[in-house]
Amino acid sequence: VWQWIIQLGKDRGGWYVPAWLERFTRDTLLSGVHYIDPKFQQLGVGDFIPEYGPGSPLFKVMQMERPRVLVYLSLRDPSANWAWPSNEDSFPKDTFAFSWSFMLDEIGNNQCRLQIRFRSQREGKAVPRLFYLFGGLIDYLTIVLMFAGLRERLHASWAVRS
């Protein structure tokens, strides 16, 4: 599972969605690879990976404990094309901050549980409740679809090994 997780992302392995949805979204941001790609297995703390969204957003790897924990942070400055702020110590007031963490817990019998946590905050400005409601719904759908796509890929790779 770990190898699939660390290759997630734009210009990397993409985002995994189930085959039924991928049929309609070929060559879009929803399409993802169906194999472990060695060129995406190199990832470490401090690395930036491109992210989807308006402008030029990035995720930065903040914590990584192979093969259990991966934590990303995205700081997005709307006044600078949604890019990472040039000064991380004092960033502009309207900056959005997102963290996304993946944790794998071993549960026995060659099985694990994947837990994902997504958090967001806007610096210096109140965020309307509707944003959290809408954002929460989008986040939920994204994760449900990603888990389904990841499950399909894992089952297919296990079938190849058998």
Protein backbone atom coordinates (compact mmCIF):
# COMPACT_ATOMS: atom_id res chain seq x y z
CA VAL A 1 0.00 0.00 0.00
CA TRP A 2 2.85 2.38 0.89
CA GLN A 3 4.28 2.35 -2.65
CA TRP A 4 0.92 3.42 -4.03
CA ILE A 5 0.51 6.21 -1.50
CA ILE A 6 3.86 7.89 -2.06
CA GLN A 7 3.34 8.11 -5.81
CA LEU A 8 0.03 10.00 -5.47
CA GLY A 9 -0.16 13.46 -6.97
CA LYS A 10 -0.21 15.65 -10.04
CA ASP A 11 2.62 14.89 -12.48
CA ARG A 12 3.21 11.68 -10.49
CA GLY A 13 0.88 8.69 -10.15
CA GLY A 14 -2.22 10.87 -10.29
CA TRP A 15 -5.25 10.27 -8.11
CA TYR A 16 -6.72 6.82 -8.05
CA VAL A 17 -10.37 6.49 -8.93
CA PRO A 18 -12.38 3.34 -9.69
CA ALA A 19 -12.41 1.97 -13.24
CA TRP A 20 -16.08 2.84 -13.81
CA LEU A 21 -15.28 6.53 -13.29
CA GLU A 22 -11.93 6.46 -15.04
CA ARG A 23 -13.62 5.32 -18.25
CA PHE A 24 -15.26 8.75 -18.43
CA THR A 25 -12.24 10.74 -17.31
CA ARG A 26 -9.35 9.42 -19.42
CA ASP A 27 -6.43 11.84 -19.63
CA THR A 28 -7.82 14.18 -16.98
CA LEU A 29 -6.78 14.95 -13.43
CA LEU A 30 -8.75 11.92 -12.24
CA SER A 31 -6.72 9.45 -14.28
CA GLY A 32 -3.97 7.65 -12.41
CA VAL A 33 -1.37 5.02 -13.11
CA HIS A 34 -2.19 1.34 -12.62
CA TYR A 35 1.27 0.17 -11.61
CA ILE A 36 4.05 1.00 -9.19
CA ASP A 37 6.34 3.41 -11.02
CA PRO A 38 9.92 3.39 -9.68
CA LYS A 39 10.47 7.04 -10.65
CA PHE A 40 7.77 8.10 -8.15
CA GLN A 41 9.12 6.05 -5.24
CA GLN A 42 11.70 8.67 -4.29
CA LEU A 43 10.05 11.09 -1.88
CA GLY A 44 11.40 12.71 1.26
CA VAL A 45 10.79 15.40 3.86
CA GLY A 46 11.04 18.84 2.28
CA ASP A 47 10.11 17.66 -1.22
CA PHE A 48 7.45 19.64 -3.09
CA ILE A 49 4.95 18.01 -5.42
CA PRO A 50 2.51 19.87 -7.68
CA GLU A 51 -1.12 19.89 -6.60
CA TYR A 52 -4.36 20.38 -8.48
CA GLY A 53 -6.34 23.55 -8.05
CA PRO A 54 -6.28 27.11 -9.29
CA GLY A 55 -2.88 28.65 -9.96
CA SER A 56 0.32 26.90 -8.90
CA PRO A 57 -0.38 25.11 -5.60
CA LEU A 58 2.15 22.73 -4.08
CA PHE A 59 2.24 20.11 -1.36
CA LYS A 60 5.35 19.90 0.80
CA VAL A 61 6.30 16.67 2.55
CA MET A 62 6.44 17.64 6.23
CA GLN A 63 6.78 14.22 7.85
CA MET A 64 7.58 10.79 6.54
CA GLU A 65 8.11 7.58 8.47
CA ARG A 66 8.41 4.78 5.93
CA PRO A 67 6.22 2.73 5.56
CA ARG A 68 3.64 4.15 7.96
CA VAL A 69 3.25 7.93 7.94
CA LEU A 70 3.17 10.61 5.26
CA VAL A 71 2.10 14.19 6.01
CA TYR A 72 1.75 16.92 3.41
CA LEU A 73 1.26 20.65 3.94
CA SER A 74 0.00 23.06 1.30
CA LEU A 75 0.19 26.82 1.83
CA ARG A 76 -1.66 28.73 -0.87
CA ASP A 77 -1.34 32.47 -1.27
CA PRO A 78 -4.24 33.77 -3.41
CA SER A 79 -2.36 37.03 -4.09
CA ALA A 80 0.51 35.06 -5.71
CA ASN A 81 -1.39 32.72 -8.07
CA TRP A 82 -2.10 30.32 -5.18
CA ALA A 83 1.61 29.50 -4.93
CA TRP A 84 3.58 28.64 -1.81
CA PRO A 85 4.35 31.91 0.07
CA SER A 86 7.89 33.19 -0.43
CA ASN A 87 8.32 33.71 3.33
CA GLU A 88 7.18 30.74 5.43
CA ASP A 89 7.75 32.63 8.70
CA SER A 90 5.16 35.31 8.02
CA PHE A 91 2.90 34.62 5.12
CA PRO A 92 0.14 36.86 3.74
CA LYS A 93 -3.06 37.20 5.71
CA ASP A 94 -5.36 35.42 3.26
CA THR A 95 -3.18 32.33 2.89
CA PHE A 96 -4.96 28.98 2.94
CA ALA A 97 -3.27 26.13 4.77
CA PHE A 98 -4.12 22.48 4.11
CA SER A 99 -2.61 19.41 5.70
CA TRP A 100 -3.17 15.90 4.46
CA SER A 101 -1.91 12.92 6.40
CA PHE A 102 -1.82 9.22 5.58
CA MET A 103 -1.26 6.65 8.31
CA LEU A 104 -0.98 2.91 7.83
CA ASP A 105 -1.66 0.71 10.85
CA GLU A 106 -0.81 -2.97 10.70
CA ILE A 107 -3.79 -5.06 11.84
CA GLY A 108 -2.39 -8.55 11.28
CA ASN A 109 -2.64 -11.31 8.66
CA ASN A 110 -0.76 -9.20 6.12
CA GLN A 111 -3.43 -6.48 6.37
CA CYS A 112 -3.37 -2.82 7.28
CA ARG A 113 -5.77 0.04 7.88
CA LEU A 114 -5.25 3.30 5.98
CA GLN A 115 -6.35 6.43 7.80
CA ILE A 116 -6.47 9.80 6.10
CA ARG A 117 -6.92 13.17 7.74
CA PHE A 118 -7.44 16.41 5.87
CA ARG A 119 -7.48 19.77 7.64
CA SER A 120 -7.75 23.30 6.36
CA GLN A 121 -7.50 26.80 7.72
CA ARG A 122 -7.39 30.32 6.31
CA GLU A 123 -4.94 32.65 7.99
CA GLY A 124 -6.34 35.90 9.36
CA LYS A 125 -9.78 35.64 7.85
CA ALA A 126 -12.94 33.86 8.88
CA VAL A 127 -14.01 31.11 6.51
CA PRO A 128 -17.75 30.84 5.86
CA ARG A 129 -19.42 27.72 7.23
CA LEU A 130 -20.65 26.92 3.74
CA PHE A 131 -17.00 26.58 2.65
CA TYR A 132 -16.43 23.92 5.34
CA LEU A 133 -19.66 22.13 4.46
CA PHE A 134 -18.92 22.15 0.72
CA GLY A 135 -15.20 21.42 1.27
CA GLY A 136 -16.05 18.55 3.62
CA LEU A 137 -18.38 17.02 1.05
CA ILE A 138 -15.75 17.31 -1.70
CA ASP A 139 -13.11 15.85 0.63
CA TYR A 140 -15.39 12.93 1.54
CA LEU A 141 -16.15 12.12 -2.11
CA THR A 142 -12.49 12.43 -3.06
CA ILE A 143 -11.42 9.99 -0.36
CA VAL A 144 -14.22 7.49 -1.06
CA LEU A 145 -13.29 7.45 -4.75
CA MET A 146 -9.57 7.30 -4.04
CA PHE A 147 -10.01 4.37 -1.63
CA ALA A 148 -12.10 2.52 -4.23
CA GLY A 149 -9.49 3.13 -6.94
CA LEU A 150 -6.65 2.14 -4.62
CA ARG A 151 -8.48 -1.05 -3.64
CA GLU A 152 -8.90 -2.01 -7.32
CA ARG A 153 -5.22 -1.40 -8.02
CA LEU A 154 -4.12 -3.40 -4.98
CA HIS A 155 -6.34 -6.35 -5.91
CA ALA A 156 -5.05 -6.27 -9.50
CA SER A 157 -1.40 -6.16 -8.37
CA TRP A 158 -2.00 -9.05 -5.92
CA ALA A 159 -3.63 -11.10 -8.70
CA VAL A 160 -0.56 -10.56 -10.90
CA ARG A 161 1.75 -11.81 -8.12
CA SER A 162 -0.33 -14.95 -7.46
